[in-house]
Amino acid sequence: MKIILDKFNTKNIMAAKLWIEDGSRADPIDKKGLHQIFCSTILRGCGPYDNNHFAEIVESAGAILNCDTYEDGMLISLKCIESDAYNLLQLIGWMITKPSLEIDQIELEKDLTIKAIERQKQSTYQQAFDGWRKMIYADGPYGHDPLGSINHIKSIHKDHICSLADSLKYRGKTLVIAGNYPNNIENYIEDSIAFREIKKNNKNKNIITSHSKDSEVLIKQKASICSRILNTQQVVLLLGKATVIYNNEDDIILRLISCYFGYGMSSLLFKVLREKYGVVYEAGIYHPIREYKTPFIMHASTTEEKAILTLNLLKECWQSVIETEISDEELELLKIKYGGQMAHSFQSISQKAEHKAHILGIGLTNSHDKETLIRLKSVSSKEIRDAANKYLKDPSLSVCSNKEIIQEIKNNWSN
């Protein structure tokens, strides 16, 4: 387990973020949602503490302790005051090395997760997004939501959770502690009984828990459009491509393109879809940080009457960055916007610690952000157009709406 300390004055507030490699991408093909159930359950007792005692320790300190499942990893998050650091950090150690995993708590988390998935099924955007990633990634690492699927969750039993818990000790882990913390915090962690099992097992065993590290994780698509039917007058359109891993040198160029399309009121989508034509009530870009091929998606929500016009405008916006170079003035604005976006994302100690744990956890260096900002200065308009031609040609469309509108959109797409 790598331990990174980032000390600065935050009035006795400390944030700790533990990134554990492999999240929902490592769910077994017939147990989608396994990591989600595990993450939820380890908050319900570990080590010498049962569910009630665990909750009492956290709540009496006025602290926040969560565990979340992402595609590339699991993230345990702690925020507390400096004087409670020792008492609360040991809980993180026990969550990894000795989770209680009581059957009644597992069943409770299964029920809660199933209800969350059922709520998602009523979301037009979520249905369109699920359709897009299934079309692009199939059963690959990003082919399903971290929550999983209802049928698979129902089939998960304690033995499956225990098997995952055993693997947790051997996975790569990055712990970032930021803000104000005790000076000897690293020694405390290394000597703590709660964390000791991690070091012991890392020396004895090495297992691979994830998909192949090959970044070619896509399928051979049989179609460039998919649809999900809901009884709604809303229309959600997602136009996108799977692009490059975050560590690729061209990633920064694609992030500039995502700013060009969807960041702020000067973005192309806002100016065209909102100001000029008024066809949408929501539009933007989804372009997260991913260890494998990253989705780059333009999304818009509109009405039945404006669906076809919105689709045509989306295609025109998408094609514009492929066919023409942006001006020097626009490029300088993009670079300023991207720098501002990064600064806005790292305002709190929790945000800073989480980002650092994330990028180190997926194999990048501590200097990655600085190197990116240096690279940013030299990006040219021609490089942006070249990258768009290389990575953004022939996007795929996902739509969620009622049956009649979907058929109209399919006809438009095929033409």
Protein backbone atom coordinates (compact mmCIF):
# COMPACT_ATOMS: atom_id res chain seq x y z
CA MET A 1 0.00 0.00 0.00
CA LYS A 2 1.46 3.33 -1.08
CA ILE A 3 0.99 6.11 1.48
CA ILE A 4 1.09 9.69 0.21
CA LEU A 5 1.06 12.59 2.70
CA ASP A 6 0.00 16.05 1.57
CA LYS A 7 0.16 18.46 4.48
CA PHE A 8 -1.28 21.98 4.43
CA ASN A 9 -3.20 24.11 6.90
CA THR A 10 -6.92 23.32 6.96
CA LYS A 11 -7.86 24.26 10.54
CA ASN A 12 -7.42 20.73 11.95
CA ILE A 13 -9.43 19.03 9.18
CA MET A 14 -8.02 15.86 7.61
CA ALA A 15 -9.12 13.93 4.54
CA ALA A 16 -8.00 10.39 3.75
CA LYS A 17 -8.72 8.61 0.47
CA LEU A 18 -7.86 4.97 -0.12
CA TRP A 19 -8.03 3.81 -3.74
CA ILE A 20 -8.14 0.03 -4.25
CA GLU A 21 -7.55 -1.19 -7.79
CA ASP A 22 -10.38 -2.90 -9.69
CA GLY A 23 -13.96 -1.90 -9.15
CA SER A 24 -17.02 -2.97 -11.12
CA ARG A 25 -14.84 -3.78 -14.15
CA ALA A 26 -13.71 -6.87 -12.19
CA ASP A 27 -17.26 -8.06 -11.44
CA PRO A 28 -17.67 -11.69 -12.60
CA ILE A 29 -19.70 -11.84 -15.81
CA ASP A 30 -22.64 -13.44 -13.94
CA LYS A 31 -22.30 -11.37 -10.75
CA LYS A 32 -22.51 -7.76 -11.90
CA GLY A 33 -22.86 -5.61 -8.80
CA LEU A 34 -20.63 -7.77 -6.59
CA HIS A 35 -18.16 -4.98 -5.82
CA GLN A 36 -21.01 -2.58 -5.07
CA ILE A 37 -22.54 -4.96 -2.52
CA PHE A 38 -19.14 -5.54 -0.94
CA CYS A 39 -18.39 -1.79 -0.68
CA SER A 40 -21.71 -1.15 1.00
CA THR A 41 -21.41 -4.05 3.42
CA ILE A 42 -17.92 -3.27 4.76
CA LEU A 43 -19.41 -0.10 6.24
CA ARG A 44 -21.63 -2.31 8.40
CA GLY A 45 -19.06 -3.71 10.79
CA CYS A 46 -15.42 -4.81 10.69
CA GLY A 47 -12.68 -6.05 13.00
CA PRO A 48 -13.85 -5.93 16.63
CA TYR A 49 -16.79 -3.63 15.85
CA ASP A 50 -20.32 -4.67 14.95
CA ASN A 51 -22.59 -2.51 12.80
CA ASN A 52 -23.87 -0.35 15.68
CA HIS A 53 -20.48 0.15 17.32
CA PHE A 54 -18.92 1.03 13.95
CA ALA A 55 -21.58 3.65 13.26
CA GLU A 56 -21.28 5.04 16.81
CA ILE A 57 -17.51 5.60 16.45
CA VAL A 58 -17.95 7.52 13.20
CA GLU A 59 -21.00 9.54 14.20
CA SER A 60 -19.73 10.48 17.67
CA ALA A 61 -16.66 12.01 16.02
CA GLY A 62 -18.80 13.99 13.57
CA ALA A 63 -16.83 12.33 10.79
CA ILE A 64 -17.74 11.15 7.31
CA LEU A 65 -16.72 7.65 6.23
CA ASN A 66 -17.90 6.21 2.90
CA CYS A 67 -16.97 3.50 0.44
CA ASP A 68 -17.85 3.89 -3.24
CA THR A 69 -17.54 1.61 -6.24
CA TYR A 70 -16.26 2.97 -9.53
CA GLU A 71 -15.42 1.15 -12.74
CA ASP A 72 -11.65 1.20 -12.21
CA GLY A 73 -11.51 0.87 -8.44
CA MET A 74 -13.07 1.20 -5.01
CA LEU A 75 -12.64 4.34 -2.94
CA ILE A 76 -12.81 4.55 0.85
CA SER A 77 -13.21 8.17 1.95
CA LEU A 78 -12.70 9.63 5.43
CA LYS A 79 -13.04 13.22 6.59
CA CYS A 80 -12.49 14.09 10.24
CA ILE A 81 -10.64 16.37 12.64
CA GLU A 82 -6.96 15.74 13.30
CA SER A 83 -7.45 14.51 16.88
CA ASP A 84 -9.71 11.66 15.69
CA ALA A 85 -7.32 10.46 12.98
CA TYR A 86 -5.93 7.41 14.81
CA ASN A 87 -9.30 6.17 16.00
CA LEU A 88 -10.91 6.43 12.57
CA LEU A 89 -8.04 5.32 10.32
CA GLN A 90 -7.97 1.97 12.06
CA LEU A 91 -11.53 1.42 10.81
CA ILE A 92 -10.26 1.67 7.22
CA GLY A 93 -7.65 -0.97 7.99
CA TRP A 94 -10.24 -3.33 9.45
CA MET A 95 -12.59 -2.73 6.51
CA ILE A 96 -9.89 -4.13 4.22
CA THR A 97 -8.46 -6.91 6.36
CA LYS A 98 -11.37 -8.10 8.51
CA PRO A 99 -14.84 -7.02 7.32
CA SER A 100 -17.68 -8.61 9.30
CA LEU A 101 -19.89 -9.44 6.27
CA GLU A 102 -22.91 -10.53 8.29
CA ILE A 103 -25.60 -12.20 6.18
CA ASP A 104 -28.40 -9.89 7.37
CA GLN A 105 -26.33 -6.83 6.45
CA ILE A 106 -25.49 -8.28 3.02
CA GLU A 107 -29.18 -8.93 2.35
CA LEU A 108 -30.07 -5.40 3.47
CA GLU A 109 -27.52 -3.90 1.06
CA LYS A 110 -28.79 -6.12 -1.74
CA ASP A 111 -32.33 -4.82 -1.19
CA LEU A 112 -31.15 -1.20 -1.14
CA THR A 113 -29.11 -1.67 -4.32
CA ILE A 114 -32.00 -3.31 -6.15
CA LYS A 115 -34.22 -0.36 -5.25
CA ALA A 116 -31.56 2.04 -6.55
CA ILE A 117 -31.40 0.14 -9.85
CA GLU A 118 -35.20 0.21 -10.15
CA ARG A 119 -35.11 3.99 -9.72
CA GLN A 120 -32.46 4.21 -12.44
CA LYS A 121 -34.73 2.33 -14.81
CA GLN A 122 -37.09 5.32 -14.69
CA SER A 123 -34.33 7.73 -15.70
CA THR A 124 -34.35 8.51 -19.43
CA TYR A 125 -30.71 9.60 -19.37
CA GLN A 126 -29.58 6.53 -17.42
CA GLN A 127 -31.34 4.21 -19.85
CA ALA A 128 -29.74 5.92 -22.85
CA PHE A 129 -26.32 5.78 -21.18
CA ASP A 130 -26.68 2.11 -20.24
CA GLY A 131 -27.61 1.33 -23.83
CA TRP A 132 -24.60 3.21 -25.22
CA ARG A 133 -22.01 1.56 -23.02
CA LYS A 134 -23.49 -1.89 -23.58
CA MET A 135 -23.28 -1.30 -27.34
CA ILE A 136 -19.65 -0.12 -27.09
CA TYR A 137 -18.13 -2.26 -24.32
CA ALA A 138 -20.50 -5.27 -24.11
CA ASP A 139 -19.19 -7.38 -21.20
CA GLY A 140 -15.90 -5.47 -21.12
CA PRO A 141 -14.75 -3.36 -18.16
CA TYR A 142 -17.17 -0.46 -18.70
CA GLY A 143 -20.13 -2.37 -20.10
CA HIS A 144 -22.35 -2.12 -17.02
CA ASP A 145 -23.21 0.29 -14.24
CA PRO A 146 -21.28 -0.26 -10.97
CA LEU A 147 -24.63 -0.91 -9.27
CA GLY A 148 -24.92 -4.08 -11.35
CA SER A 149 -28.09 -5.83 -12.48
CA ILE A 150 -31.03 -6.99 -10.41
CA ASN A 151 -30.91 -10.64 -11.44
CA HIS A 152 -27.18 -10.88 -10.72
CA ILE A 153 -27.50 -9.17 -7.34
CA LYS A 154 -30.21 -11.58 -6.30
CA SER A 155 -27.79 -14.45 -7.00
CA ILE A 156 -24.97 -13.01 -4.85
CA HIS A 157 -24.37 -14.88 -1.58
CA LYS A 158 -21.99 -14.49 1.33
CA ASP A 159 -19.46 -16.91 -0.19
CA HIS A 160 -19.10 -14.62 -3.22
CA ILE A 161 -18.56 -11.60 -0.96
CA CYS A 162 -16.01 -13.46 1.18
CA SER A 163 -14.05 -14.50 -1.90
CA LEU A 164 -13.86 -10.87 -3.01
CA ALA A 165 -12.84 -9.82 0.51
CA ASP A 166 -9.95 -12.30 0.43
CA SER A 167 -8.68 -10.80 -2.83
CA LEU A 168 -8.80 -7.29 -1.40
CA LYS A 169 -5.69 -7.77 0.70
CA TYR A 170 -3.57 -8.38 -2.38
CA ARG A 171 -4.80 -5.63 -4.67
CA GLY A 172 -2.81 -2.48 -5.27
CA LYS A 173 -3.78 0.29 -2.87
CA THR A 174 -2.97 4.00 -2.65
CA LEU A 175 -3.74 5.92 0.54
CA VAL A 176 -3.60 9.73 0.32
CA ILE A 177 -3.88 11.75 3.54
CA ALA A 178 -4.26 15.50 3.11
CA GLY A 179 -4.76 18.55 5.30
CA ASN A 180 -3.82 18.59 9.00
CA TYR A 181 -2.85 15.19 10.41
CA PRO A 182 -0.59 13.91 13.23
CA ASN A 183 3.12 14.06 12.36
CA ASN A 184 3.67 10.35 12.99
CA ILE A 185 0.61 9.18 11.06
CA GLU A 186 2.59 7.00 8.64
CA ASN A 187 4.31 5.14 11.47
CA TYR A 188 0.96 4.61 13.15
CA ILE A 189 -0.47 3.02 10.00
CA GLU A 190 2.55 0.78 9.50
CA ASP A 191 2.42 -0.43 13.13
CA SER A 192 -1.37 -0.73 13.39
CA ILE A 193 -2.81 -4.21 13.86
CA ALA A 194 -5.67 -3.24 11.55
CA PHE A 195 -3.29 -2.60 8.61
CA ARG A 196 -0.65 -5.21 9.44
CA GLU A 197 -2.42 -8.00 7.56
CA ILE A 198 -2.05 -6.08 4.31
CA LYS A 199 1.76 -6.05 4.50
CA LYS A 200 1.89 -9.68 5.61
CA ASN A 201 -0.22 -10.94 2.73
CA ASN A 202 1.40 -8.75 0.07
CA LYS A 203 4.67 -10.55 0.74
CA ASN A 204 3.13 -13.98 0.43
CA LYS A 205 0.80 -13.81 -2.53
CA ASN A 206 0.20 -11.95 -5.77
CA ILE A 207 -3.01 -12.42 -7.69
CA ILE A 208 -4.56 -10.73 -10.68
CA THR A 209 -8.15 -9.65 -10.10
CA SER A 210 -8.92 -7.52 -13.12
CA HIS A 211 -9.52 -7.93 -16.80
CA SER A 212 -6.50 -8.16 -19.03
CA LYS A 213 -4.45 -4.96 -18.90
CA ASP A 214 -4.74 -4.82 -22.69
CA SER A 215 -6.38 -1.50 -23.49
CA GLU A 216 -8.19 -3.02 -26.49
CA VAL A 217 -11.37 -3.61 -24.53
CA LEU A 218 -13.95 -2.89 -27.19
CA ILE A 219 -16.15 -5.25 -29.15
CA LYS A 220 -16.76 -5.39 -32.86
CA GLN A 221 -19.97 -3.40 -33.07
CA LYS A 222 -22.82 -4.80 -35.12
CA ALA A 223 -24.66 -1.46 -35.18
CA SER A 224 -23.98 2.23 -34.62
CA ILE A 225 -27.31 2.97 -32.92
CA CYS A 226 -29.17 1.51 -29.96
CA SER A 227 -32.41 2.45 -28.25
CA ARG A 228 -34.28 2.02 -24.99
CA ILE A 229 -38.05 2.52 -24.86
CA LEU A 230 -39.73 4.42 -22.01
CA ASN A 231 -43.26 5.78 -21.88
CA THR A 232 -42.17 9.42 -21.86
CA GLN A 233 -42.34 12.58 -23.95
CA GLN A 234 -38.71 13.32 -23.14
CA VAL A 235 -35.99 12.42 -25.64
CA VAL A 236 -32.40 11.80 -24.57
CA LEU A 237 -29.71 11.53 -27.24
CA LEU A 238 -26.14 10.35 -26.60
CA LEU A 239 -23.59 10.62 -29.39
CA GLY A 240 -20.18 9.23 -28.55
CA LYS A 241 -17.00 7.27 -29.09
CA ALA A 242 -14.63 5.25 -26.91
CA THR A 243 -11.34 7.12 -27.15
CA VAL A 244 -8.00 6.78 -25.34
CA ILE A 245 -6.77 5.93 -21.86
CA TYR A 246 -6.09 8.82 -19.48
CA ASN A 247 -2.33 8.24 -19.70
CA ASN A 248 -2.30 8.72 -23.48
CA GLU A 249 -0.49 11.87 -24.63
CA ASP A 250 -3.53 12.81 -26.74
CA ASP A 251 -5.89 12.73 -23.77
CA ILE A 252 -5.28 16.40 -22.99
CA ILE A 253 -6.28 17.32 -26.55
CA LEU A 254 -9.56 15.46 -26.19
CA ARG A 255 -10.16 17.25 -22.90
CA LEU A 256 -9.74 20.56 -24.68
CA ILE A 257 -12.28 19.38 -27.25
CA SER A 258 -14.69 18.45 -24.46
CA CYS A 259 -14.28 22.00 -23.08
CA TYR A 260 -14.91 23.39 -26.56
CA PHE A 261 -18.12 21.41 -26.86
CA GLY A 262 -19.59 21.60 -23.40
CA TYR A 263 -17.93 23.75 -20.73
CA GLY A 264 -19.59 27.04 -19.87
CA MET A 265 -21.87 29.44 -21.74
CA SER A 266 -19.24 30.03 -24.43
CA SER A 267 -19.24 26.32 -25.36
CA LEU A 268 -20.45 25.22 -28.79
CA LEU A 269 -23.37 23.14 -27.49
CA PHE A 270 -24.67 25.99 -25.36
CA LYS A 271 -24.37 28.55 -28.15
CA VAL A 272 -25.97 26.33 -30.81
CA LEU A 273 -28.51 24.19 -28.96
CA ARG A 274 -29.57 26.64 -26.27
CA GLU A 275 -28.99 30.19 -27.52
CA LYS A 276 -29.42 29.93 -31.29
CA TYR A 277 -32.07 27.24 -31.67
CA GLY A 278 -33.48 26.70 -28.16
CA VAL A 279 -34.03 23.00 -28.75
CA VAL A 280 -32.77 21.49 -25.48
CA TYR A 281 -33.14 22.01 -21.77
CA GLU A 282 -29.92 20.15 -21.01
CA ALA A 283 -26.78 19.45 -23.05
CA GLY A 284 -23.16 18.66 -22.26
CA ILE A 285 -20.17 16.36 -22.53
CA TYR A 286 -19.37 13.22 -20.52
CA HIS A 287 -15.63 12.55 -20.61
CA PRO A 288 -14.40 10.98 -17.33
CA ILE A 289 -10.96 9.78 -16.25
CA ARG A 290 -10.56 6.09 -17.11
CA GLU A 291 -7.70 3.60 -17.04
CA TYR A 292 -8.88 1.97 -20.28
CA LYS A 293 -10.49 3.42 -23.41
CA THR A 294 -12.44 6.41 -22.16
CA PRO A 295 -15.98 7.28 -23.29
CA PHE A 296 -16.38 10.68 -24.96
CA ILE A 297 -20.11 11.42 -25.16
CA MET A 298 -22.13 14.42 -26.27
CA HIS A 299 -25.59 14.33 -24.63
CA ALA A 300 -28.78 16.33 -25.00
CA SER A 301 -32.30 16.21 -23.57
CA THR A 302 -35.14 17.57 -25.66
CA THR A 303 -38.82 17.18 -26.57
CA GLU A 304 -40.52 14.98 -29.16
CA GLU A 305 -41.14 17.91 -31.52
CA LYS A 306 -37.50 18.99 -31.50
CA ALA A 307 -35.85 15.56 -31.45
CA ILE A 308 -34.84 15.33 -35.12
CA LEU A 309 -33.57 18.91 -35.25
CA THR A 310 -31.57 18.31 -32.06
CA LEU A 311 -30.00 15.17 -33.50
CA ASN A 312 -29.01 16.99 -36.68
CA LEU A 313 -27.49 19.84 -34.70
CA LEU A 314 -25.55 17.40 -32.53
CA LYS A 315 -24.12 15.75 -35.62
CA GLU A 316 -23.18 19.14 -37.08
CA CYS A 317 -21.42 20.20 -33.87
CA TRP A 318 -19.58 16.89 -33.68
CA GLN A 319 -18.49 17.10 -37.31
CA SER A 320 -17.37 20.73 -37.06
CA VAL A 321 -14.34 19.94 -34.91
CA ILE A 322 -13.30 17.21 -37.36
CA GLU A 323 -13.59 19.35 -40.48
CA THR A 324 -12.33 22.77 -39.35
CA GLU A 325 -9.60 24.16 -37.14
CA ILE A 326 -10.68 26.34 -34.26
CA SER A 327 -9.30 29.89 -34.19
CA ASP A 328 -6.30 30.97 -32.14
CA GLU A 329 -8.57 33.08 -29.94
CA GLU A 330 -10.84 30.10 -29.25
CA LEU A 331 -7.82 27.92 -28.48
CA GLU A 332 -6.46 30.36 -25.90
CA LEU A 333 -9.89 30.56 -24.29
CA LEU A 334 -10.04 26.74 -24.15
CA LYS A 335 -6.70 26.55 -22.39
CA ILE A 336 -7.83 29.12 -19.83
CA LYS A 337 -11.13 27.28 -19.33
CA TYR A 338 -9.39 23.94 -18.86
CA GLY A 339 -7.00 25.40 -16.28
CA GLY A 340 -9.95 26.97 -14.49
CA GLN A 341 -11.84 23.69 -14.61
CA MET A 342 -8.94 21.87 -12.95
CA ALA A 343 -8.63 24.55 -10.26
CA HIS A 344 -12.37 24.40 -9.57
CA SER A 345 -12.22 20.61 -9.25
CA PHE A 346 -9.52 20.72 -6.57
CA GLN A 347 -10.87 23.38 -4.21
CA SER A 348 -11.32 21.19 -1.12
CA ILE A 349 -8.87 18.86 0.60
CA SER A 350 -11.21 15.95 -0.16
CA GLN A 351 -11.20 16.75 -3.88
CA LYS A 352 -7.41 17.06 -3.95
CA ALA A 353 -6.85 13.84 -2.03
CA GLU A 354 -9.36 11.91 -4.13
CA HIS A 355 -7.88 13.04 -7.43
CA LYS A 356 -4.36 12.18 -6.30
CA ALA A 357 -5.43 8.74 -5.02
CA HIS A 358 -7.27 8.13 -8.29
CA ILE A 359 -4.46 9.00 -10.70
CA LEU A 360 -1.80 7.23 -8.62
CA GLY A 361 -4.14 4.26 -8.24
CA ILE A 362 -4.43 3.82 -12.01
CA GLY A 363 -0.68 3.87 -12.45
CA LEU A 364 0.15 7.53 -13.16
CA THR A 365 2.85 9.58 -11.44
CA ASN A 366 2.55 12.29 -8.83
CA SER A 367 3.75 14.81 -11.42
CA HIS A 368 1.12 13.89 -14.03
CA ASP A 369 -0.98 17.04 -13.59
CA LYS A 370 2.04 19.35 -13.82
CA GLU A 371 3.22 17.56 -16.95
CA THR A 372 -0.26 17.88 -18.44
CA LEU A 373 -0.35 21.64 -17.85
CA ILE A 374 3.07 21.99 -19.51
CA ARG A 375 1.84 19.94 -22.46
CA LEU A 376 -1.29 22.10 -22.59
CA LYS A 377 0.70 25.23 -23.45
CA SER A 378 2.04 23.78 -26.71
CA VAL A 379 -1.21 22.30 -28.09
CA SER A 380 -2.09 23.81 -31.48
CA SER A 381 -5.33 24.11 -33.42
CA LYS A 382 -3.97 21.66 -35.97
CA GLU A 383 -3.33 19.07 -33.24
CA ILE A 384 -6.92 19.43 -32.09
CA ARG A 385 -8.27 18.84 -35.57
CA ASP A 386 -5.87 15.90 -36.11
CA ALA A 387 -6.93 14.30 -32.81
CA ALA A 388 -10.61 14.78 -33.68
CA ASN A 389 -10.02 13.06 -37.03
CA LYS A 390 -8.15 10.24 -35.35
CA TYR A 391 -10.50 9.52 -32.44
CA LEU A 392 -13.93 11.04 -33.10
CA LYS A 393 -14.94 9.86 -36.55
CA ASP A 394 -18.02 7.64 -36.88
CA PRO A 395 -19.62 8.10 -33.45
CA SER A 396 -22.39 5.85 -32.15
CA LEU A 397 -25.85 6.99 -31.08
CA SER A 398 -28.01 5.91 -28.16
CA VAL A 399 -31.55 7.20 -27.71
CA CYS A 400 -34.19 6.75 -25.03
CA SER A 401 -37.78 7.86 -25.58
CA ASN A 402 -41.15 6.45 -26.63
CA LYS A 403 -41.45 3.94 -29.46
CA GLU A 404 -42.70 6.37 -32.13
CA ILE A 405 -39.91 8.92 -31.68
CA ILE A 406 -37.27 6.22 -31.58
CA GLN A 407 -38.40 4.96 -34.97
CA GLU A 408 -38.20 8.47 -36.44
CA ILE A 409 -34.68 8.89 -35.07
CA LYS A 410 -33.59 5.51 -36.41
CA ASN A 411 -34.85 6.48 -39.86
CA ASN A 412 -32.96 9.76 -39.69
CA TRP A 413 -29.78 8.02 -38.53
CA SER A 414 -29.85 5.39 -41.27
CA ASN A 415 -30.25 8.12 -43.91
